[in-house]
Protein backbone atom coordinates (compact mmCIF):
# COMPACT_ATOMS: atom_id res chain seq x y z
CA MET A 1 0.01 -0.06 -0.06
CA SER A 2 1.30 3.14 -1.04
CA THR A 3 1.75 6.25 1.77
CA THR A 4 -0.47 8.60 -0.14
CA THR A 5 -3.25 5.35 0.17
CA LEU A 6 -2.37 4.75 3.60
CA LEU A 7 -2.50 8.46 4.75
CA ALA A 8 -6.03 8.66 3.13
CA CYS A 9 -7.16 5.62 4.79
CA LEU A 10 -5.91 7.18 8.33
CA THR A 11 -8.40 9.93 8.21
CA MET A 12 -11.11 8.66 10.11
CA ALA A 13 -9.75 8.64 13.56
CA VAL A 14 -6.58 8.18 16.22
CA ALA A 15 -6.18 4.70 16.62
CA GLN A 16 -7.86 3.72 20.03
CA ALA A 17 -9.07 0.22 21.59
CA PRO A 18 -12.22 -0.95 19.73
CA ILE A 19 -15.44 -0.58 21.66
CA LYS A 20 -16.36 -3.69 23.28
CA ALA A 21 -19.51 -5.93 23.01
CA GLY A 22 -21.84 -5.37 25.59
CA THR A 23 -21.30 -1.83 26.44
CA LEU A 24 -24.00 0.77 25.86
CA ALA A 25 -23.42 2.45 22.77
CA PRO A 26 -22.82 6.22 22.49
CA ALA A 27 -25.68 8.45 21.70
CA PHE A 28 -25.47 10.86 18.57
CA ALA A 29 -27.84 13.30 17.10
CA ALA A 30 -26.56 13.95 13.16
CA ASN A 31 -27.76 15.36 9.94
CA GLY A 32 -28.61 12.41 7.61
CA THR A 33 -28.17 12.92 3.80
CA ASN A 34 -31.86 13.08 3.35
CA GLY A 35 -32.01 16.27 4.78
CA LYS A 36 -33.25 15.23 8.49
CA ALA A 37 -31.95 14.83 11.92
CA HIS A 38 -31.11 11.24 12.93
CA THR A 39 -30.35 10.04 16.54
CA LEU A 40 -29.28 6.80 17.36
CA LYS A 41 -32.70 6.17 19.28
CA ASP A 42 -34.53 6.63 15.96
CA TYR A 43 -32.77 3.64 14.79
CA THR A 44 -32.87 1.47 17.72
CA ALA A 45 -36.68 2.03 18.43
CA LYS A 46 -37.30 -0.18 15.17
CA GLY A 47 -34.71 -2.68 15.87
CA ASP A 48 -31.02 -3.67 15.94
CA VAL A 49 -28.81 -1.03 13.48
CA PHE A 50 -25.79 -1.68 11.65
CA LEU A 51 -23.42 1.04 11.73
CA HIS A 52 -21.02 1.17 8.64
CA PHE A 53 -18.31 3.55 9.11
CA ILE A 54 -17.25 5.26 6.00
CA SER A 55 -13.88 7.24 4.97
CA THR A 56 -14.66 8.75 1.58
CA THR A 57 -11.04 8.64 0.66
CA CYS A 58 -10.04 5.22 1.68
CA PRO A 59 -9.61 2.86 -1.41
CA VAL A 60 -10.15 -0.34 0.88
CA ASN A 61 -13.57 1.07 1.67
CA ALA A 62 -14.16 1.87 -1.75
CA ALA A 63 -13.62 -1.55 -2.73
CA ALA A 64 -16.26 -2.73 -0.09
CA GLN A 65 -19.17 -0.92 -0.72
CA LYS A 66 -20.34 -3.33 -3.35
CA TYR A 67 -20.93 -5.81 -0.85
CA TYR A 68 -22.54 -3.81 1.93
CA LYS A 69 -24.82 -2.20 -1.29
CA ARG A 70 -26.09 -6.09 -1.55
CA LEU A 71 -26.44 -6.63 2.17
CA SER A 72 -28.68 -3.60 2.49
CA SER A 73 -30.79 -4.25 -0.55
CA ALA A 74 -30.95 -8.10 0.70
CA TYR A 75 -32.51 -6.74 3.77
CA THR A 76 -34.24 -3.57 2.68
CA GLY A 77 -36.97 -2.73 5.14
CA LYS A 78 -36.19 -5.79 7.60
CA ALA A 79 -32.76 -4.87 9.02
CA THR A 80 -30.96 -1.42 8.75
CA ILE A 81 -27.41 -0.55 7.72
CA LEU A 82 -26.67 3.43 8.60
CA GLY A 83 -23.80 5.04 7.30
CA VAL A 84 -21.50 7.00 9.44
CA ILE A 85 -19.46 8.85 6.77
CA ASN A 86 -16.86 11.17 7.57
CA THR A 87 -17.69 14.04 5.40
CA ASP A 88 -20.08 16.88 4.84
CA ALA A 89 -23.22 17.09 2.18
CA LYS A 90 -20.95 18.18 -0.36
CA GLY A 91 -18.47 15.40 0.13
CA TYR A 92 -21.40 13.17 0.44
CA THR A 93 -22.49 13.96 -3.11
CA ALA A 94 -19.58 13.36 -4.84
CA TRP A 95 -18.94 10.01 -3.18
CA GLN A 96 -22.37 9.07 -3.70
CA LYS A 97 -22.38 9.97 -7.24
CA GLU A 98 -19.73 7.16 -7.61
CA PHE A 99 -20.90 4.45 -5.27
CA LYS A 100 -24.87 5.10 -5.01
CA VAL A 101 -25.62 3.15 -1.64
CA PRO A 102 -28.94 2.31 -1.16
CA TYR A 103 -28.69 2.91 2.65
CA GLN A 104 -29.35 6.45 4.66
CA SER A 105 -26.23 7.82 6.07
CA ILE A 106 -25.06 10.44 8.55
CA TYR A 107 -22.56 13.33 7.83
CA ASP A 108 -19.93 13.30 10.37
CA PRO A 109 -17.10 15.61 9.08
CA GLU A 110 -15.74 16.43 12.65
CA LEU A 111 -15.59 12.72 13.39
CA LYS A 112 -17.44 12.90 16.52
CA VAL A 113 -19.60 9.80 15.82
CA ILE A 114 -16.58 8.07 14.56
CA ARG A 115 -14.49 8.91 17.67
CA SER A 116 -17.03 7.90 19.63
CA TYR A 117 -17.96 4.73 18.58
CA LYS A 118 -13.74 4.18 18.29
CA ALA A 119 -14.06 3.24 14.67
CA ASN A 120 -10.11 3.49 13.75
CA ALA A 121 -10.33 2.59 10.10
CA SER A 122 -12.59 1.95 7.24
CA PRO A 123 -14.87 0.13 6.34
CA TRP A 124 -15.89 -0.82 9.93
CA VAL A 125 -19.20 -2.14 11.02
CA ILE A 126 -20.72 -2.08 14.60
CA GLN A 127 -24.28 -3.87 15.47
CA VAL A 128 -26.24 -1.98 17.93
CA SER A 129 -29.22 -3.88 19.75
CA LYS A 130 -32.53 -2.53 19.97
CA ALA A 131 -31.66 -2.03 23.80
CA GLY A 132 -28.74 0.25 22.69
CA LYS A 133 -26.07 -1.99 23.32
CA ILE A 134 -22.96 -3.02 21.15
CA VAL A 135 -23.56 -6.61 20.03
CA GLN A 136 -21.00 -7.01 17.55
CA VAL A 137 -17.67 -5.27 16.05
CA TRP A 138 -16.54 -5.64 12.71
CA PRO A 139 -13.42 -3.86 12.17
CA GLY A 140 -12.84 -3.95 8.69
CA TYR A 141 -14.20 -6.60 6.11
CA SER A 142 -13.48 -10.25 4.60
CA ALA A 143 -15.53 -12.78 3.10
CA THR A 144 -15.92 -14.13 6.90
CA ALA A 145 -17.02 -10.92 8.34
CA LEU A 146 -19.55 -10.14 5.54
CA LYS A 147 -20.81 -13.78 6.19
CA GLU A 148 -21.14 -13.11 9.81
CA ILE A 149 -22.97 -9.75 9.22
CA ASN A 150 -25.27 -11.16 6.78
CA ALA A 151 -26.30 -13.72 9.29
CA ALA A 152 -26.53 -11.03 11.88
CA MET A 153 -28.87 -9.00 9.83
CA ALA A 154 -30.81 -12.03 9.07
CA LYS A 155 -31.20 -12.82 12.90
CA ALA A 156 -32.30 -9.01 13.83
CA ALA A 157 -34.58 -9.13 10.92
CA GLY A 158 -36.31 -12.63 11.92
CA THR A 159 -35.73 -13.93 8.67
CA LYS A 160 -33.51 -16.59 6.93
CA ILE A 161 -30.18 -15.63 5.93
CA ALA A 162 -30.25 -14.11 2.27
CA GLN A 163 -28.24 -14.92 -0.58
CA VAL A 164 -26.00 -12.38 -1.03
CA ASP A 165 -23.04 -12.52 -3.64
CA LEU A 166 -19.74 -12.43 -1.71
CA SER A 167 -17.49 -13.46 -4.26
CA GLY A 168 -14.10 -11.53 -4.50
CA ALA A 169 -14.50 -10.24 -0.98
CA PRO A 170 -11.03 -10.53 0.43
CA ALA A 171 -10.20 -13.98 2.60
CA GLU A 172 -8.31 -11.62 5.11
CA MET A 173 -9.75 -8.97 7.34
CA ALA A 174 -8.90 -5.79 5.05
CA PHE A 175 -9.15 -2.26 6.22
CA GLY A 176 -7.68 1.20 5.44
C-alpha cells in the first residue's frame, strides 16, 4: 500500500482500543443525507442497526461498498445499515455519485460519531441492539466478516439468511 493510500485511509480517527461488545452504544444526533436529523434512538426504536463507518478517501472502503450495498438491498425494510460518513453534504454528494449506496447515511465531518464509536479505520461495522448495546464489531471487511454480518442482519430481521453474492471479498480482514 502506498503512503498516499495509507494516509487517505487513516483520516477516520486516532487509533484507540475498539469499543467492546456489551457496552452501551454512544448516543448521537446528526444530520442525514436525506436532510433530516437522526439519532441512535430513532434507529434502535425499530430494532438493531448496523453502523457502517465510511471514509470517502479510502480505497479499501471503496472496494467494500459493493458488498454493503448488496447486504442493505437484501434486507430492505427488515434490517438497517446506517452509514456514518466522514464528510459533509458536498463530499457525500461526490462520493454517492460514484457509489450509489441504497442506505441512509449521516454526516460526520468532525468525526464526533466516528471517535465515540472508536472506529479506527474504514470500513468498520458495529451492530447496536434495540436495547442500545454494542452486539458485535467488525473492524474491516472480509468474506468471513460479511457472512457474519449477513447472518446477524437475518437474525435481527427475524428472517432466513439472504443469498448475497460475496464473491471476490478478501479472505483476510481488510481495512484502511
